[in-house]
Amino acid sequence: MLQTSDNEVRASARFVRIAPRKARIAADMIRNKPVTEAIEILAFTKNRGAQVMRKVLDSAVASANEQNLGDLDNLIVSKVMVDKGPNSRRYRPRAMGRATRINKFTSHIHLFVADATR
């Protein structure tokens, strides 16, 4: 279980159909950045992981507003974790009666937003 402190809010997206190494590219871009800057970075990044990360960040910001954590200008992205989820396995026919396995990866994304002034 992921623990949060009193000045921190967590948002997560589980079983997202994107490979963890691709989602970690977007996670590394916004880690330890102010929320306003992180939203800007993700909005102008063409990576598909950035689109997923933007939705999780919007959810965390909405939770922070709900809990009266602080103004949007004072919030920072304190932690971002991208873990591996279960694989879907598919098979593709190949030459001479053989088959190749295709792995379709999933990710669990956990994003923490904290108030920088507290």
PDB file of N, CA and C in Angstrom:
ATOM      1  N   MET A   1       0.844  -1.185   0.000  1.00  0.00           N
ATOM      2  CA  MET A   1       0.000   0.000   0.000  1.00  0.00           C
ATOM      3  C   MET A   1       0.887   1.245   0.000  1.00  0.00           C
ATOM      4  N   LEU A   2       0.534   2.198  -0.800  1.00  0.00           N
ATOM      5  CA  LEU A   2       1.305   3.428  -0.902  1.00  0.00           C
ATOM      6  C   LEU A   2       0.815   4.420   0.130  1.00  0.00           C
ATOM      7  N   GLN A   3       1.709   4.894   0.964  1.00  0.00           N
ATOM      8  CA  GLN A   3       1.356   5.817   2.034  1.00  0.00           C
ATOM      9  C   GLN A   3       1.471   7.255   1.551  1.00  0.00           C
ATOM     10  N   THR A   4       0.533   8.074   1.975  1.00  0.00           N
ATOM     11  CA  THR A   4       0.597   9.502   1.683  1.00  0.00           C
ATOM     12  C   THR A   4       0.606  10.258   2.996  1.00  0.00           C
ATOM     13  N   SER A   5       1.288  11.383   3.009  1.00  0.00           N
ATOM     14  CA  SER A   5       1.299  12.210   4.207  1.00  0.00           C
ATOM     15  C   SER A   5       0.101  13.153   4.178  1.00  0.00           C
ATOM     16  N   ASP A   6      -0.005  14.010   5.198  1.00  0.00           N
ATOM     17  CA  ASP A   6      -1.172  14.892   5.276  1.00  0.00           C
ATOM     18  C   ASP A   6      -1.143  16.019   4.243  1.00  0.00           C
ATOM     19  N   ASN A   7       0.024  16.335   3.690  1.00  0.00           N
ATOM     20  CA  ASN A   7       0.086  17.395   2.679  1.00  0.00           C
ATOM     21  C   ASN A   7       0.339  16.824   1.277  1.00  0.00           C
ATOM     22  N   GLU A   8      -0.088  15.579   1.059  1.00  0.00           N
ATOM     23  CA  GLU A   8       0.179  14.906  -0.202  1.00  0.00           C
ATOM     24  C   GLU A   8      -1.080  14.174  -0.666  1.00  0.00           C
ATOM     25  N   VAL A   9      -1.291  14.142  -1.983  1.00  0.00           N
ATOM     26  CA  VAL A   9      -2.449  13.474  -2.583  1.00  0.00           C
ATOM     27  C   VAL A   9      -1.936  12.517  -3.643  1.00  0.00           C
ATOM     28  N   ARG A  10      -2.576  11.347  -3.732  1.00  0.00           N
ATOM     29  CA  ARG A  10      -2.162  10.344  -4.707  1.00  0.00           C
ATOM     30  C   ARG A  10      -3.270  10.121  -5.725  1.00  0.00           C
ATOM     31  N   ALA A  11      -2.872   9.924  -6.979  1.00  0.00           N
ATOM     32  CA  ALA A  11      -3.788   9.494  -8.032  1.00  0.00           C
ATOM     33  C   ALA A  11      -3.117   8.342  -8.759  1.00  0.00           C
ATOM     34  N   SER A  12      -3.903   7.381  -9.188  1.00  0.00           N
ATOM     35  CA  SER A  12      -3.306   6.235  -9.862  1.00  0.00           C
ATOM     36  C   SER A  12      -4.172   5.782 -11.022  1.00  0.00           C
ATOM     37  N   ALA A  13      -3.528   5.178 -11.983  1.00  0.00           N
ATOM     38  CA  ALA A  13      -4.196   4.543 -13.116  1.00  0.00           C
ATOM     39  C   ALA A  13      -3.579   3.165 -13.242  1.00  0.00           C
ATOM     40  N   ARG A  14      -4.416   2.152 -13.140  1.00  0.00           N
ATOM     41  CA  ARG A  14      -3.907   0.784 -13.184  1.00  0.00           C
ATOM     42  C   ARG A  14      -4.350   0.104 -14.469  1.00  0.00           C
ATOM     43  N   PHE A  15      -3.565  -0.867 -14.891  1.00  0.00           N
ATOM     44  CA  PHE A  15      -3.823  -1.667 -16.087  1.00  0.00           C
ATOM     45  C   PHE A  15      -3.917  -0.795 -17.343  1.00  0.00           C
ATOM     46  N   VAL A  16      -3.066   0.224 -17.415  1.00  0.00           N
ATOM     47  CA  VAL A  16      -3.026   1.096 -18.592  1.00  0.00           C
ATOM     48  C   VAL A  16      -2.282   0.352 -19.694  1.00  0.00           C
ATOM     49  N   ARG A  17      -2.837   0.347 -20.879  1.00  0.00           N
ATOM     50  CA  ARG A  17      -2.308  -0.449 -21.978  1.00  0.00           C
ATOM     51  C   ARG A  17      -1.160   0.294 -22.687  1.00  0.00           C
ATOM     52  N   ILE A  18      -0.057   0.475 -21.943  1.00  0.00           N
ATOM     53  CA  ILE A  18       1.160   1.070 -22.490  1.00  0.00           C
ATOM     54  C   ILE A  18       2.334   0.404 -21.779  1.00  0.00           C
ATOM     55  N   ALA A  19       3.406   0.215 -22.488  1.00  0.00           N
ATOM     56  CA  ALA A  19       4.576  -0.427 -21.899  1.00  0.00           C
ATOM     57  C   ALA A  19       5.180   0.475 -20.828  1.00  0.00           C
ATOM     58  N   PRO A  20       5.639  -0.097 -19.711  1.00  0.00           N
ATOM     59  CA  PRO A  20       6.185   0.727 -18.625  1.00  0.00           C
ATOM     60  C   PRO A  20       7.392   1.569 -19.037  1.00  0.00           C
ATOM     61  N   ARG A  21       8.240   1.047 -19.911  1.00  0.00           N
ATOM     62  CA  ARG A  21       9.422   1.832 -20.291  1.00  0.00           C
ATOM     63  C   ARG A  21       9.040   3.051 -21.112  1.00  0.00           C
ATOM     64  N   LYS A  22       7.913   2.998 -21.831  1.00  0.00           N
ATOM     65  CA  LYS A  22       7.448   4.166 -22.579  1.00  0.00           C
ATOM     66  C   LYS A  22       6.763   5.171 -21.660  1.00  0.00           C
ATOM     67  N   ALA A  23       6.057   4.675 -20.641  1.00  0.00           N
ATOM     68  CA  ALA A  23       5.401   5.575 -19.695  1.00  0.00           C
ATOM     69  C   ALA A  23       6.422   6.252 -18.787  1.00  0.00           C
ATOM     70  N   ARG A  24       7.540   5.577 -18.514  1.00  0.00           N
ATOM     71  CA  ARG A  24       8.569   6.163 -17.643  1.00  0.00           C
ATOM     72  C   ARG A  24       9.260   7.359 -18.284  1.00  0.00           C
ATOM     73  N   ILE A  25       9.245   7.440 -19.608  1.00  0.00           N
ATOM     74  CA  ILE A  25       9.828   8.595 -20.293  1.00  0.00           C
ATOM     75  C   ILE A  25       9.066   9.863 -19.890  1.00  0.00           C
ATOM     76  N   ALA A  26       7.732   9.770 -19.895  1.00  0.00           N
ATOM     77  CA  ALA A  26       6.914  10.924 -19.500  1.00  0.00           C
ATOM     78  C   ALA A  26       7.023  11.175 -18.003  1.00  0.00           C
ATOM     79  N   ALA A  27       7.154  10.119 -17.213  1.00  0.00           N
ATOM     80  CA  ALA A  27       7.261  10.272 -15.763  1.00  0.00           C
ATOM     81  C   ALA A  27       8.551  11.003 -15.381  1.00  0.00           C
ATOM     82  N   ASP A  28       9.635  10.697 -16.079  1.00  0.00           N
ATOM     83  CA  ASP A  28      10.910  11.342 -15.770  1.00  0.00           C
ATOM     84  C   ASP A  28      10.909  12.826 -16.131  1.00  0.00           C
ATOM     85  N   MET A  29      10.067  13.219 -17.098  1.00  0.00           N
ATOM     86  CA  MET A  29      10.024  14.620 -17.507  1.00  0.00           C
ATOM     87  C   MET A  29       9.361  15.511 -16.460  1.00  0.00           C
ATOM     88  N   ILE A  30       8.429  14.967 -15.658  1.00  0.00           N
ATOM     89  CA  ILE A  30       7.656  15.818 -14.748  1.00  0.00           C
ATOM     90  C   ILE A  30       7.997  15.610 -13.281  1.00  0.00           C
ATOM     91  N   ARG A  31       8.840  14.669 -12.967  1.00  0.00           N
ATOM     92  CA  ARG A  31       9.166  14.387 -11.562  1.00  0.00           C
ATOM     93  C   ARG A  31       9.835  15.604 -10.908  1.00  0.00           C
ATOM     94  N   ASN A  32       9.353  15.979  -9.706  1.00  0.00           N
ATOM     95  CA  ASN A  32       9.870  17.100  -8.896  1.00  0.00           C
ATOM     96  C   ASN A  32       9.715  18.457  -9.582  1.00  0.00           C
ATOM     97  N   LYS A  33       8.712  18.599 -10.424  1.00  0.00           N
ATOM     98  CA  LYS A  33       8.442  19.879 -11.079  1.00  0.00           C
ATOM     99  C   LYS A  33       7.156  20.474 -10.515  1.00  0.00           C
ATOM    100  N   PRO A  34       6.990  21.790 -10.597  1.00  0.00           N
ATOM    101  CA  PRO A  34       5.700  22.389 -10.225  1.00  0.00           C
ATOM    102  C   PRO A  34       4.596  21.887 -11.152  1.00  0.00           C
ATOM    103  N   VAL A  35       3.378  21.807 -10.623  1.00  0.00           N
ATOM    104  CA  VAL A  35       2.259  21.230 -11.368  1.00  0.00           C
ATOM    105  C   VAL A  35       1.971  22.026 -12.639  1.00  0.00           C
ATOM    106  N   THR A  36       2.031  23.342 -12.563  1.00  0.00           N
ATOM    107  CA  THR A  36       1.741  24.150 -13.758  1.00  0.00           C
ATOM    108  C   THR A  36       2.762  23.880 -14.866  1.00  0.00           C
ATOM    109  N   GLU A  37       4.014  23.738 -14.488  1.00  0.00           N
ATOM    110  CA  GLU A  37       5.057  23.437 -15.468  1.00  0.00           C
ATOM    111  C   GLU A  37       4.895  22.015 -16.008  1.00  0.00           C
ATOM    112  N   ALA A  38       4.509  21.070 -15.153  1.00  0.00           N
ATOM    113  CA  ALA A  38       4.317  19.683 -15.581  1.00  0.00           C
ATOM    114  C   ALA A  38       3.163  19.565 -16.568  1.00  0.00           C
ATOM    115  N   ILE A  39       2.095  20.316 -16.341  1.00  0.00           N
ATOM    116  CA  ILE A  39       0.953  20.290 -17.266  1.00  0.00           C
ATOM    117  C   ILE A  39       1.376  20.828 -18.632  1.00  0.00           C
ATOM    118  N   GLU A  40       2.175  21.886 -18.631  1.00  0.00           N
ATOM    119  CA  GLU A  40       2.670  22.451 -19.890  1.00  0.00           C
ATOM    120  C   GLU A  40       3.563  21.475 -20.639  1.00  0.00           C
ATOM    121  N   ILE A  41       4.459  20.815 -19.907  1.00  0.00           N
ATOM    122  CA  ILE A  41       5.368  19.856 -20.539  1.00  0.00           C
ATOM    123  C   ILE A  41       4.584  18.720 -21.183  1.00  0.00           C
ATOM    124  N   LEU A  42       3.609  18.183 -20.456  1.00  0.00           N
ATOM    125  CA  LEU A  42       2.846  17.044 -20.971  1.00  0.00           C
ATOM    126  C   LEU A  42       1.919  17.449 -22.125  1.00  0.00           C
ATOM    127  N   ALA A  43       1.460  18.695 -22.122  1.00  0.00           N
ATOM    128  CA  ALA A  43       0.559  19.143 -23.178  1.00  0.00           C
ATOM    129  C   ALA A  43       1.270  19.228 -24.531  1.00  0.00           C
ATOM    130  N   PHE A  44       2.562  19.533 -24.518  1.00  0.00           N
ATOM    131  CA  PHE A  44       3.291  19.717 -25.769  1.00  0.00           C
ATOM    132  C   PHE A  44       4.239  18.572 -26.095  1.00  0.00           C
ATOM    133  N   THR A  45       4.051  17.433 -25.444  1.00  0.00           N
ATOM    134  CA  THR A  45       4.859  16.252 -25.735  1.00  0.00           C
ATOM    135  C   THR A  45       4.038  15.283 -26.575  1.00  0.00           C
ATOM    136  N   LYS A  46       4.626  14.765 -27.631  1.00  0.00           N
ATOM    137  CA  LYS A  46       3.887  13.899 -28.551  1.00  0.00           C
ATOM    138  C   LYS A  46       3.814  12.448 -28.072  1.00  0.00           C
ATOM    139  N   ASN A  47       4.577  12.100 -27.062  1.00  0.00           N
ATOM    140  CA  ASN A  47       4.603  10.738 -26.536  1.00  0.00           C
ATOM    141  C   ASN A  47       3.218  10.324 -26.023  1.00  0.00           C
ATOM    142  N   ARG A  48       2.782   9.091 -26.331  1.00  0.00           N
ATOM    143  CA  ARG A  48       1.484   8.625 -25.865  1.00  0.00           C
ATOM    144  C   ARG A  48       1.466   8.481 -24.347  1.00  0.00           C
ATOM    145  N   GLY A  49       2.613   8.194 -23.756  1.00  0.00           N
ATOM    146  CA  GLY A  49       2.702   8.116 -22.301  1.00  0.00           C
ATOM    147  C   GLY A  49       2.420   9.457 -21.655  1.00  0.00           C
ATOM    148  N   ALA A  50       2.704  10.535 -22.365  1.00  0.00           N
ATOM    149  CA  ALA A  50       2.427  11.868 -21.841  1.00  0.00           C
ATOM    150  C   ALA A  50       0.932  12.119 -21.752  1.00  0.00           C
ATOM    151  N   GLN A  51       0.154  11.576 -22.687  1.00  0.00           N
ATOM    152  CA  GLN A  51      -1.296  11.734 -22.640  1.00  0.00           C
ATOM    153  C   GLN A  51      -1.872  11.032 -21.416  1.00  0.00           C
ATOM    154  N   VAL A  52      -1.395   9.832 -21.156  1.00  0.00           N
ATOM    155  CA  VAL A  52      -1.874   9.075 -19.994  1.00  0.00           C
ATOM    156  C   VAL A  52      -1.451   9.769 -18.707  1.00  0.00           C
ATOM    157  N   MET A  53      -0.207  10.235 -18.668  1.00  0.00           N
ATOM    158  CA  MET A  53       0.310  10.902 -17.481  1.00  0.00           C
ATOM    159  C   MET A  53      -0.446  12.198 -17.215  1.00  0.00           C
ATOM    160  N   ARG A  54      -0.866  12.889 -18.265  1.00  0.00           N
ATOM    161  CA  ARG A  54      -1.630  14.129 -18.105  1.00  0.00           C
ATOM    162  C   ARG A  54      -2.975  13.859 -17.433  1.00  0.00           C
ATOM    163  N   LYS A  55      -3.629  12.761 -17.805  1.00  0.00           N
ATOM    164  CA  LYS A  55      -4.907  12.416 -17.190  1.00  0.00           C
ATOM    165  C   LYS A  55      -4.739  12.094 -15.710  1.00  0.00           C
ATOM    166  N   VAL A  56      -3.678  11.390 -15.367  1.00  0.00           N
ATOM    167  CA  VAL A  56      -3.429  11.056 -13.964  1.00  0.00           C
ATOM    168  C   VAL A  56      -3.086  12.318 -13.185  1.00  0.00           C
ATOM    169  N   LEU A  57      -2.310  13.216 -13.792  1.00  0.00           N
ATOM    170  CA  LEU A  57      -1.967  14.477 -13.129  1.00  0.00           C
ATOM    171  C   LEU A  57      -3.208  15.339 -12.915  1.00  0.00           C
ATOM    172  N   ASP A  58      -4.098  15.401 -13.896  1.00  0.00           N
ATOM    173  CA  ASP A  58      -5.342  16.158 -13.734  1.00  0.00           C
ATOM    174  C   ASP A  58      -6.187  15.583 -12.597  1.00  0.00           C
ATOM    175  N   SER A  59      -6.200  14.266 -12.476  1.00  0.00           N
ATOM    176  CA  SER A  59      -6.943  13.618 -11.394  1.00  0.00           C
ATOM    177  C   SER A  59      -6.337  13.961 -10.037  1.00  0.00           C
ATOM    178  N   ALA A  60      -5.012  13.981  -9.949  1.00  0.00           N
ATOM    179  CA  ALA A  60      -4.353  14.322  -8.687  1.00  0.00           C
ATOM    180  C   ALA A  60      -4.612  15.778  -8.301  1.00  0.00           C
ATOM    181  N   VAL A  61      -4.606  16.675  -9.284  1.00  0.00           N
ATOM    182  CA  VAL A  61      -4.868  18.093  -9.020  1.00  0.00           C
ATOM    183  C   VAL A  61      -6.313  18.280  -8.549  1.00  0.00           C
ATOM    184  N   ALA A  62      -7.249  17.551  -9.165  1.00  0.00           N
ATOM    185  CA  ALA A  62      -8.645  17.634  -8.747  1.00  0.00           C
ATOM    186  C   ALA A  62      -8.817  17.124  -7.313  1.00  0.00           C
ATOM    187  N   SER A  63      -8.095  16.063  -6.962  1.00  0.00           N
ATOM    188  CA  SER A  63      -8.150  15.550  -5.592  1.00  0.00           C
ATOM    189  C   SER A  63      -7.549  16.543  -4.609  1.00  0.00           C
ATOM    190  N   ALA A  64      -6.486  17.222  -5.024  1.00  0.00           N
ATOM    191  CA  ALA A  64      -5.860  18.218  -4.156  1.00  0.00           C
ATOM    192  C   ALA A  64      -6.801  19.397  -3.929  1.00  0.00           C
ATOM    193  N   ASN A  65      -7.525  19.815  -4.962  1.00  0.00           N
ATOM    194  CA  ASN A  65      -8.509  20.885  -4.794  1.00  0.00           C
ATOM    195  C   ASN A  65      -9.645  20.450  -3.889  1.00  0.00           C
ATOM    196  N   GLU A  66     -10.057  19.196  -4.010  1.00  0.00           N
ATOM    197  CA  GLU A  66     -11.139  18.661  -3.193  1.00  0.00           C
ATOM    198  C   GLU A  66     -10.768  18.636  -1.709  1.00  0.00           C
ATOM    199  N   GLN A  67      -9.497  18.354  -1.432  1.00  0.00           N
ATOM    200  CA  GLN A  67      -9.032  18.272  -0.050  1.00  0.00           C
ATOM    201  C   GLN A  67      -8.469  19.594   0.467  1.00  0.00           C
ATOM    202  N   ASN A  68      -8.619  20.663  -0.313  1.00  0.00           N
ATOM    203  CA  ASN A  68      -8.111  21.992   0.056  1.00  0.00           C
ATOM    204  C   ASN A  68      -6.629  21.942   0.421  1.00  0.00           C
ATOM    205  N   LEU A  69      -5.863  21.271  -0.411  1.00  0.00           N
ATOM    206  CA  LEU A  69      -4.440  21.105  -0.146  1.00  0.00           C
ATOM    207  C   LEU A  69      -3.665  22.391  -0.370  1.00  0.00           C
ATOM    208  N   GLY A  70      -4.108  23.210  -1.293  1.00  0.00           N
ATOM    209  CA  GLY A  70      -3.408  24.455  -1.550  1.00  0.00           C
ATOM    210  C   GLY A  70      -3.710  24.961  -2.941  1.00  0.00           C
ATOM    211  N   ASP A  71      -3.148  26.105  -3.247  1.00  0.00           N
ATOM    212  CA  ASP A  71      -3.327  26.711  -4.558  1.00  0.00           C
ATOM    213  C   ASP A  71      -2.554  25.917  -5.599  1.00  0.00           C
ATOM    214  N   LEU A  72      -3.003  25.983  -6.846  1.00  0.00           N
ATOM    215  CA  LEU A  72      -2.367  25.242  -7.927  1.00  0.00           C
ATOM    216  C   LEU A  72      -0.915  25.671  -8.121  1.00  0.00           C
ATOM    217  N   ASP A  73      -0.606  26.934  -7.823  1.00  0.00           N
ATOM    218  CA  ASP A  73       0.757  27.433  -8.004  1.00  0.00           C
ATOM    219  C   ASP A  73       1.726  26.872  -6.967  1.00  0.00           C
ATOM    220  N   ASN A  74       1.206  26.394  -5.831  1.00  0.00           N
ATOM    221  CA  ASN A  74       2.063  25.879  -4.762  1.00  0.00           C
ATOM    222  C   ASN A  74       2.257  24.373  -4.817  1.00  0.00           C
ATOM    223  N   LEU A  75       1.574  23.696  -5.731  1.00  0.00           N
ATOM    224  CA  LEU A  75       1.660  22.242  -5.797  1.00  0.00           C
ATOM    225  C   LEU A  75       2.843  21.802  -6.649  1.00  0.00           C
ATOM    226  N   ILE A  76       3.497  20.705  -6.217  1.00  0.00           N
ATOM    227  CA  ILE A  76       4.571  20.099  -6.998  1.00  0.00           C
ATOM    228  C   ILE A  76       4.281  18.611  -7.168  1.00  0.00           C
ATOM    229  N   VAL A  77       4.841  18.034  -8.216  1.00  0.00           N
ATOM    230  CA  VAL A  77       4.745  16.592  -8.433  1.00  0.00           C
ATOM    231  C   VAL A  77       5.861  15.960  -7.607  1.00  0.00           C
ATOM    232  N   SER A  78       5.513  15.407  -6.461  1.00  0.00           N
ATOM    233  CA  SER A  78       6.544  14.926  -5.547  1.00  0.00           C
ATOM    234  C   SER A  78       7.087  13.557  -5.949  1.00  0.00           C
ATOM    235  N   LYS A  79       6.219  12.630  -6.349  1.00  0.00           N
ATOM    236  CA  LYS A  79       6.671  11.295  -6.744  1.00  0.00           C
ATOM    237  C   LYS A  79       5.844  10.819  -7.933  1.00  0.00           C
ATOM    238  N   VAL A  80       6.504  10.104  -8.827  1.00  0.00           N
ATOM    239  CA  VAL A  80       5.820   9.432  -9.927  1.00  0.00           C
ATOM    240  C   VAL A  80       6.417   8.033 -10.031  1.00  0.00           C
ATOM    241  N   MET A  81       5.560   7.022  -9.946  1.00  0.00           N
ATOM    242  CA  MET A  81       6.034   5.648 -10.058  1.00  0.00           C
ATOM    243  C   MET A  81       5.267   4.949 -11.178  1.00  0.00           C
ATOM    244  N   VAL A  82       5.997   4.267 -12.032  1.00  0.00           N
ATOM    245  CA  VAL A  82       5.395   3.477 -13.096  1.00  0.00           C
ATOM    246  C   VAL A  82       5.840   2.040 -12.888  1.00  0.00           C
ATOM    247  N   ASP A  83       4.892   1.175 -12.540  1.00  0.00           N
ATOM    248  CA  ASP A  83       5.185  -0.229 -12.282  1.00  0.00           C
ATOM    249  C   ASP A  83       4.631  -1.086 -13.413  1.00  0.00           C
ATOM    250  N   LYS A  84       5.172  -2.286 -13.499  1.00  0.00           N
ATOM    251  CA  LYS A  84       4.753  -3.219 -14.535  1.00  0.00           C
ATOM    252  C   LYS A  84       3.463  -3.913 -14.126  1.00  0.00           C
ATOM    253  N   GLY A  85       2.523  -4.002 -15.060  1.00  0.00           N
ATOM    254  CA  GLY A  85       1.281  -4.743 -14.836  1.00  0.00           C
ATOM    255  C   GLY A  85       1.352  -6.096 -15.521  1.00  0.00           C
ATOM    256  N   PRO A  86       0.243  -6.799 -15.589  1.00  0.00           N
ATOM    257  CA  PRO A  86       0.248  -8.105 -16.243  1.00  0.00           C
ATOM    258  C   PRO A  86       0.367  -7.985 -17.764  1.00  0.00           C
ATOM    259  N   ASN A  87       0.946  -9.019 -18.376  1.00  0.00           N
ATOM    260  CA  ASN A  87       1.100  -9.055 -19.829  1.00  0.00           C
ATOM    261  C   ASN A  87      -0.084  -9.764 -20.463  1.00  0.00           C
ATOM    262  N   SER A  88      -0.480  -9.295 -21.641  1.00  0.00           N
ATOM    263  CA  SER A  88      -1.378 -10.071 -22.489  1.00  0.00           C
ATOM    264  C   SER A  88      -0.507 -10.758 -23.514  1.00  0.00           C
ATOM    265  N   ARG A  89      -0.761 -12.022 -23.750  1.00  0.00           N
ATOM    266  CA  ARG A  89       0.051 -12.753 -24.720  1.00  0.00           C
ATOM    267  C   ARG A  89      -0.807 -13.105 -25.927  1.00  0.00           C
ATOM    268  N   ARG A  90      -0.295 -12.750 -27.091  1.00  0.00           N
ATOM    269  CA  ARG A  90      -0.957 -13.075 -28.344  1.00  0.00           C
ATOM    270  C   ARG A  90       0.037 -13.863 -29.197  1.00  0.00           C
ATOM    271  N   TYR A  91      -0.486 -14.613 -30.147  1.00  0.00           N
ATOM    272  CA  TYR A  91       0.368 -15.409 -31.013  1.00  0.00           C
ATOM    273  C   TYR A  91       0.134 -15.016 -32.462  1.00  0.00           C
ATOM    274  N   ARG A  92       1.229 -14.889 -33.203  1.00  0.00           N
ATOM    275  CA  ARG A  92       1.168 -14.523 -34.611  1.00  0.00           C
ATOM    276  C   ARG A  92       1.709 -15.691 -35.434  1.00  0.00           C
ATOM    277  N   PRO A  93       0.971 -16.111 -36.447  1.00  0.00           N
ATOM    278  CA  PRO A  93       1.475 -17.211 -37.277  1.00  0.00           C
ATOM    279  C   PRO A  93       2.699 -16.773 -38.087  1.00  0.00           C
ATOM    280  N   ARG A  94       3.634 -17.688 -38.218  1.00  0.00           N
ATOM    281  CA  ARG A  94       4.862 -17.433 -38.975  1.00  0.00           C
ATOM    282  C   ARG A  94       5.036 -18.508 -40.042  1.00  0.00           C
ATOM    283  N   ALA A  95       6.148 -18.467 -40.716  1.00  0.00           N
ATOM    284  CA  ALA A  95       6.387 -19.393 -41.826  1.00  0.00           C
ATOM    285  C   ALA A  95       6.567 -20.825 -41.314  1.00  0.00           C
ATOM    286  N   MET A  96       6.262 -21.764 -42.165  1.00  0.00           N
ATOM    287  CA  MET A  96       6.454 -23.208 -41.941  1.00  0.00           C
ATOM    288  C   MET A  96       5.711 -23.702 -40.704  1.00  0.00           C
ATOM    289  N   GLY A  97       4.525 -23.171 -40.456  1.00  0.00           N
ATOM    290  CA  GLY A  97       3.689 -23.687 -39.380  1.00  0.00           C
ATOM    291  C   GLY A  97       4.090 -23.256 -37.983  1.00  0.00           C
ATOM    292  N   ARG A  98       5.017 -22.331 -37.860  1.00  0.00           N
ATOM    293  CA  ARG A  98       5.452 -21.886 -36.535  1.00  0.00           C
ATOM    294  C   ARG A  98       4.586 -20.718 -36.073  1.00  0.00           C
ATOM    295  N   ALA A  99       4.780 -20.365 -34.813  1.00  0.00           N
ATOM    296  CA  ALA A  99       4.070 -19.208 -34.256  1.00  0.00           C
ATOM    297  C   ALA A  99       5.030 -18.436 -33.360  1.00  0.00           C
ATOM    298  N   THR A 100       4.837 -17.137 -33.281  1.00  0.00           N
ATOM    299  CA  THR A 100       5.656 -16.282 -32.410  1.00  0.00           C
ATOM    300  C   THR A 100       4.757 -15.634 -31.385  1.00  0.00           C
ATOM    301  N   ARG A 101       5.272 -15.515 -30.182  1.00  0.00           N
ATOM    302  CA  ARG A 101       4.494 -14.883 -29.125  1.00  0.00           C
ATOM    303  C   ARG A 101       4.708 -13.376 -29.154  1.00  0.00           C
ATOM    304  N   ILE A 102       3.629 -12.628 -29.000  1.00  0.00           N
ATOM    305  CA  ILE A 102       3.679 -11.171 -28.912  1.00  0.00           C
ATOM    306  C   ILE A 102       3.178 -10.784 -27.537  1.00  0.00           C
ATOM    307  N   ASN A 103       4.004 -10.074 -26.782  1.00  0.00           N
ATOM    308  CA  ASN A 103       3.624  -9.619 -25.444  1.00  0.00           C
ATOM    309  C   ASN A 103       3.052  -8.215 -25.542  1.00  0.00           C
ATOM    310  N   LYS A 104       1.911  -8.007 -24.934  1.00  0.00           N
ATOM    311  CA  LYS A 104       1.314  -6.669 -24.857  1.00  0.00           C
ATOM    312  C   LYS A 104       1.375  -6.261 -23.391  1.00  0.00           C
ATOM    313  N   PHE A 105       2.172  -5.248 -23.107  1.00  0.00           N
ATOM    314  CA  PHE A 105       2.476  -4.871 -21.738  1.00  0.00           C
ATOM    315  C   PHE A 105       1.450  -3.887 -21.174  1.00  0.00           C
ATOM    316  N   THR A 106       1.278  -3.917 -19.862  1.00  0.00           N
ATOM    317  CA  THR A 106       0.428  -2.951 -19.172  1.00  0.00           C
ATOM    318  C   THR A 106       1.231  -2.306 -18.055  1.00  0.00           C
ATOM    319  N   SER A 107       0.740  -1.154 -17.576  1.00  0.00           N
ATOM    320  CA  SER A 107       1.441  -0.388 -16.550  1.00  0.00           C
ATOM    321  C   SER A 107       0.482   0.007 -15.436  1.00  0.00           C
ATOM    322  N   HIS A 108       1.052   0.187 -14.251  1.00  0.00           N
ATOM    323  CA  HIS A 108       0.352   0.808 -13.130  1.00  0.00           C
ATOM    324  C   HIS A 108       1.070   2.119 -12.847  1.00  0.00           C
ATOM    325  N   ILE A 109       0.352   3.237 -12.921  1.00  0.00           N
ATOM    326  CA  ILE A 109       0.957   4.558 -12.736  1.00  0.00           C
ATOM    327  C   ILE A 109       0.433   5.155 -11.441  1.00  0.00           C
ATOM    328  N   HIS A 110       1.347   5.586 -10.568  1.00  0.00           N
ATOM    329  CA  HIS A 110       0.993   6.246  -9.311  1.00  0.00           C
ATOM    330  C   HIS A 110       1.686   7.602  -9.280  1.00  0.00           C
ATOM    331  N   LEU A 111       0.915   8.661  -9.068  1.00  0.00           N
ATOM    332  CA  LEU A 111       1.445  10.020  -9.096  1.00  0.00           C
ATOM    333  C   LEU A 111       1.062  10.722  -7.792  1.00  0.00           C
ATOM    334  N   PHE A 112       2.017  11.334  -7.146  1.00  0.00           N
ATOM    335  CA  PHE A 112       1.811  12.031  -5.881  1.00  0.00           C
ATOM    336  C   PHE A 112       2.016  13.519  -6.096  1.00  0.00           C
ATOM    337  N   VAL A 113       1.076  14.313  -5.590  1.00  0.00           N
ATOM    338  CA  VAL A 113       1.153  15.769  -5.647  1.00  0.00           C
ATOM    339  C   VAL A 113       1.193  16.275  -4.222  1.00  0.00           C
ATOM    340  N   ALA A 114       2.149  17.167  -3.928  1.00  0.00           N
ATOM    341  CA  ALA A 114       2.306  17.690  -2.578  1.00  0.00           C
ATOM    342  C   ALA A 114       2.310  19.203  -2.600  1.00  0.00           C
ATOM    343  N   ASP A 115       2.000  19.784  -1.445  1.00  0.00           N
ATOM    344  CA  ASP A 115       2.048  21.233  -1.296  1.00  0.00           C
ATOM    345  C   ASP A 115       3.480  21.623  -0.938  1.00  0.00           C
ATOM    346  N   ALA A 116       4.075  22.504  -1.723  1.00  0.00           N
ATOM    347  CA  ALA A 116       5.479  22.860  -1.520  1.00  0.00           C
ATOM    348  C   ALA A 116       5.675  23.794  -0.329  1.00  0.00           C
ATOM    349  N   THR A 117       4.631  24.516   0.078  1.00  0.00           N
ATOM    350  CA  THR A 117       4.793  25.492   1.161  1.00  0.00           C
ATOM    351  C   THR A 117       4.714  24.858   2.536  1.00  0.00           C
ATOM    352  N   ARG A 118       4.119  23.687   2.647  1.00  0.00           N
ATOM    353  CA  ARG A 118       3.980  23.060   3.973  1.00  0.00           C
ATOM    354  C   ARG A 118       5.180  22.241   4.323  1.00  0.00           C
TER     355      ARG A 118
END
